[in-house]
Amino acid sequence: MNCDGTEAPVAGARLLTELRSEAARADSKASLLLGVMSMTVSLLVGLLTARGRFPLRLSAAGSALLWAAMAALAGALVCLLLAVVPRYGTRQWSPGRPLTYFGDIRRATNDCRLAEALAVTEAHQTEGILEALAQNSHIVGAKHRWIRAGLGAYCVGMLLLPIARLVG
């Protein structure tokens, strides 16, 4: 219960738990895709080089397609790595605001105001939950955008690699 006698929204707390779980699932998806990408790229590059079709022996068109595929796969790698990079809230904690995540706790501790910040958080639970919901939904959205971009770039790269081999 808040000091003013109202209860923090139960739905907000439930949604916050779901958002944090979704962020963890997004990280797992990106990690899995990174593993799959590294295995398949290693296999295909190994097949290209094992048969004496090293990139320098391809035709100009084949080489261009191979380098486009490599650029797409490098882009996929960057996108998937950006999906798993930790993200922090965009708003900085300041005295008088509730704590919403670990960065806020760290800042309050560094300012020697953790007890005060905890009291504010207790008194303004609804505000804290709303801010945490906004921040976490932004984080989950960004993770999913990077995963989609990475998966798209990966598919383009995987399509171009065999075409480069065929064009030769």
Protein backbone atom coordinates (compact mmCIF):
# COMPACT_ATOMS: atom_id res chain seq x y z
CA MET A 1 0.00 0.00 0.00
CA ASN A 2 1.12 3.55 -0.68
CA CYS A 3 1.22 6.18 2.05
CA ASP A 4 -1.89 7.78 0.57
CA GLY A 5 -3.86 4.55 1.09
CA THR A 6 -3.94 3.40 -2.54
CA GLU A 7 -2.47 0.15 -3.78
CA ALA A 8 0.03 -0.06 -6.61
CA PRO A 9 -1.66 -1.42 -9.72
CA VAL A 10 -1.48 -5.20 -9.69
CA ALA A 11 -1.71 -5.25 -13.50
CA GLY A 12 1.33 -2.97 -13.72
CA ALA A 13 3.40 -5.25 -11.53
CA ARG A 14 2.31 -8.29 -13.58
CA LEU A 15 3.14 -6.53 -16.86
CA LEU A 16 6.52 -5.49 -15.52
CA THR A 17 7.31 -9.12 -14.68
CA GLU A 18 6.22 -10.17 -18.17
CA LEU A 19 8.35 -7.45 -19.79
CA ARG A 20 11.43 -8.51 -17.86
CA SER A 21 10.78 -12.10 -18.86
CA GLU A 22 10.38 -11.04 -22.50
CA ALA A 23 13.72 -9.20 -22.35
CA ALA A 24 15.36 -12.41 -21.13
CA ARG A 25 13.69 -14.40 -23.93
CA ALA A 26 14.89 -11.87 -26.50
CA ASP A 27 18.44 -12.24 -25.21
CA SER A 28 18.11 -16.03 -25.46
CA LYS A 29 16.80 -15.79 -29.03
CA ALA A 30 19.66 -13.54 -30.09
CA SER A 31 22.23 -15.80 -28.42
CA LEU A 32 20.79 -18.84 -30.14
CA LEU A 33 20.80 -17.06 -33.51
CA LEU A 34 24.43 -16.04 -32.96
CA GLY A 35 25.35 -19.68 -32.38
CA VAL A 36 23.43 -20.89 -35.43
CA MET A 37 24.93 -18.14 -37.54
CA SER A 38 28.49 -18.96 -36.55
CA MET A 39 28.00 -22.68 -37.23
CA THR A 40 26.39 -22.27 -40.65
CA VAL A 41 28.79 -19.57 -41.81
CA SER A 42 31.75 -21.70 -40.73
CA LEU A 43 30.33 -24.66 -42.61
CA LEU A 44 29.62 -22.73 -45.81
CA VAL A 45 32.94 -20.89 -45.81
CA GLY A 46 34.67 -24.22 -45.19
CA LEU A 47 32.85 -25.76 -48.15
CA LEU A 48 33.76 -22.82 -50.37
CA THR A 49 37.45 -23.01 -49.53
CA ALA A 50 37.73 -26.83 -49.37
CA ARG A 51 36.83 -27.25 -53.02
CA GLY A 52 39.43 -24.81 -54.20
CA ARG A 53 36.90 -22.05 -54.75
CA PHE A 54 38.65 -19.47 -52.64
CA PRO A 55 37.17 -15.98 -53.17
CA LEU A 56 40.08 -14.88 -55.34
CA ARG A 57 39.27 -17.65 -57.86
CA LEU A 58 35.66 -16.61 -58.35
CA SER A 59 34.50 -14.58 -61.32
CA ALA A 60 33.94 -10.87 -60.79
CA ALA A 61 30.20 -11.43 -60.34
CA GLY A 62 30.80 -14.36 -57.98
CA SER A 63 33.28 -12.34 -55.94
CA ALA A 64 30.87 -9.41 -55.73
CA LEU A 65 28.10 -11.71 -54.52
CA LEU A 66 30.43 -13.37 -52.02
CA TRP A 67 31.52 -10.03 -50.56
CA ALA A 68 27.89 -8.86 -50.43
CA ALA A 69 27.04 -12.06 -48.55
CA MET A 70 29.92 -11.50 -46.15
CA ALA A 71 28.81 -7.90 -45.57
CA ALA A 72 25.25 -9.07 -44.87
CA LEU A 73 26.51 -11.71 -42.44
CA ALA A 74 28.74 -9.17 -40.71
CA GLY A 75 25.72 -6.87 -40.43
CA ALA A 76 23.71 -9.75 -38.95
CA LEU A 77 26.44 -10.33 -36.40
CA VAL A 78 26.45 -6.66 -35.38
CA CYS A 79 22.63 -6.57 -35.13
CA LEU A 80 22.48 -9.70 -32.98
CA LEU A 81 25.24 -8.44 -30.73
CA LEU A 82 23.35 -5.16 -30.31
CA ALA A 83 20.28 -7.18 -29.33
CA VAL A 84 22.10 -8.70 -26.35
CA VAL A 85 23.98 -5.59 -25.24
CA PRO A 86 22.63 -4.49 -21.86
CA ARG A 87 20.41 -1.43 -22.03
CA TYR A 88 19.72 1.07 -19.33
CA GLY A 89 16.93 3.50 -18.71
CA THR A 90 17.03 6.75 -20.61
CA ARG A 91 16.02 8.82 -17.58
CA GLN A 92 18.62 9.38 -14.89
CA TRP A 93 17.58 8.87 -11.29
CA SER A 94 17.49 11.99 -9.17
CA PRO A 95 16.52 12.53 -5.53
CA GLY A 96 12.76 12.52 -5.05
CA ARG A 97 12.13 9.96 -7.82
CA PRO A 98 11.37 6.27 -7.19
CA LEU A 99 13.92 3.58 -7.96
CA THR A 100 13.01 1.58 -11.08
CA TYR A 101 16.03 -0.58 -11.89
CA PHE A 102 19.54 -1.46 -10.75
CA GLY A 103 21.13 1.65 -12.27
CA ASP A 104 18.91 3.82 -10.09
CA ILE A 105 19.97 1.86 -7.02
CA ARG A 106 23.63 2.31 -7.95
CA ARG A 107 23.20 6.07 -8.41
CA ALA A 108 21.31 6.43 -5.12
CA THR A 109 24.02 4.43 -3.34
CA ASN A 110 26.77 6.56 -4.89
CA ASP A 111 24.96 9.69 -3.67
CA CYS A 112 24.55 8.12 -0.20
CA ARG A 113 20.75 8.43 -0.61
CA LEU A 114 19.64 4.82 -0.87
CA ALA A 115 17.47 4.88 2.29
CA GLU A 116 15.79 8.09 1.12
CA ALA A 117 15.28 6.64 -2.38
CA LEU A 118 13.73 3.48 -0.94
CA ALA A 119 11.30 5.58 1.10
CA VAL A 120 10.33 7.56 -2.02
CA THR A 121 9.91 4.32 -3.96
CA GLU A 122 7.63 2.93 -1.26
CA ALA A 123 5.59 6.14 -1.16
CA HIS A 124 5.28 6.40 -4.96
CA GLN A 125 4.89 2.78 -6.04
CA THR A 126 2.53 3.52 -8.91
CA GLU A 127 4.86 6.13 -10.41
CA GLY A 128 7.78 3.71 -10.11
CA ILE A 129 5.88 0.88 -11.78
CA LEU A 130 4.72 3.15 -14.62
CA GLU A 131 8.23 4.40 -15.26
CA ALA A 132 9.67 0.88 -15.11
CA LEU A 133 7.00 -0.30 -17.56
CA ALA A 134 7.88 2.48 -19.99
CA GLN A 135 11.62 1.83 -19.76
CA ASN A 136 11.33 -1.95 -20.04
CA SER A 137 8.94 -1.82 -22.98
CA HIS A 138 11.42 0.46 -24.78
CA ILE A 139 14.25 -1.99 -24.06
CA VAL A 140 12.27 -5.05 -25.22
CA GLY A 141 11.18 -3.22 -28.38
CA ALA A 142 14.78 -2.32 -29.22
CA LYS A 143 15.95 -5.89 -28.64
CA HIS A 144 13.26 -7.25 -30.96
CA ARG A 145 14.07 -4.68 -33.67
CA TRP A 146 17.75 -5.70 -33.62
CA ILE A 147 16.82 -9.39 -33.72
CA ARG A 148 14.54 -8.84 -36.74
CA ALA A 149 17.22 -6.82 -38.53
CA GLY A 150 19.86 -9.44 -37.74
CA LEU A 151 17.68 -12.29 -38.90
CA GLY A 152 16.89 -10.46 -42.14
CA ALA A 153 20.57 -9.74 -42.82
CA TYR A 154 21.44 -13.35 -41.99
CA CYS A 155 18.85 -14.65 -44.47
CA VAL A 156 20.18 -12.34 -47.20
CA GLY A 157 23.75 -13.47 -46.53
CA MET A 158 22.79 -17.14 -46.51
CA LEU A 159 20.94 -16.70 -49.80
CA LEU A 160 23.83 -14.90 -51.47
CA LEU A 161 26.54 -17.40 -50.45
CA PRO A 162 25.31 -20.34 -52.56
CA ILE A 163 24.41 -17.99 -55.42
CA ALA A 164 28.01 -16.71 -55.38
CA ARG A 165 29.19 -20.31 -55.59
CA LEU A 166 26.86 -21.06 -58.49
CA VAL A 167 27.85 -17.92 -60.41
CA GLY A 168 31.41 -18.94 -59.71
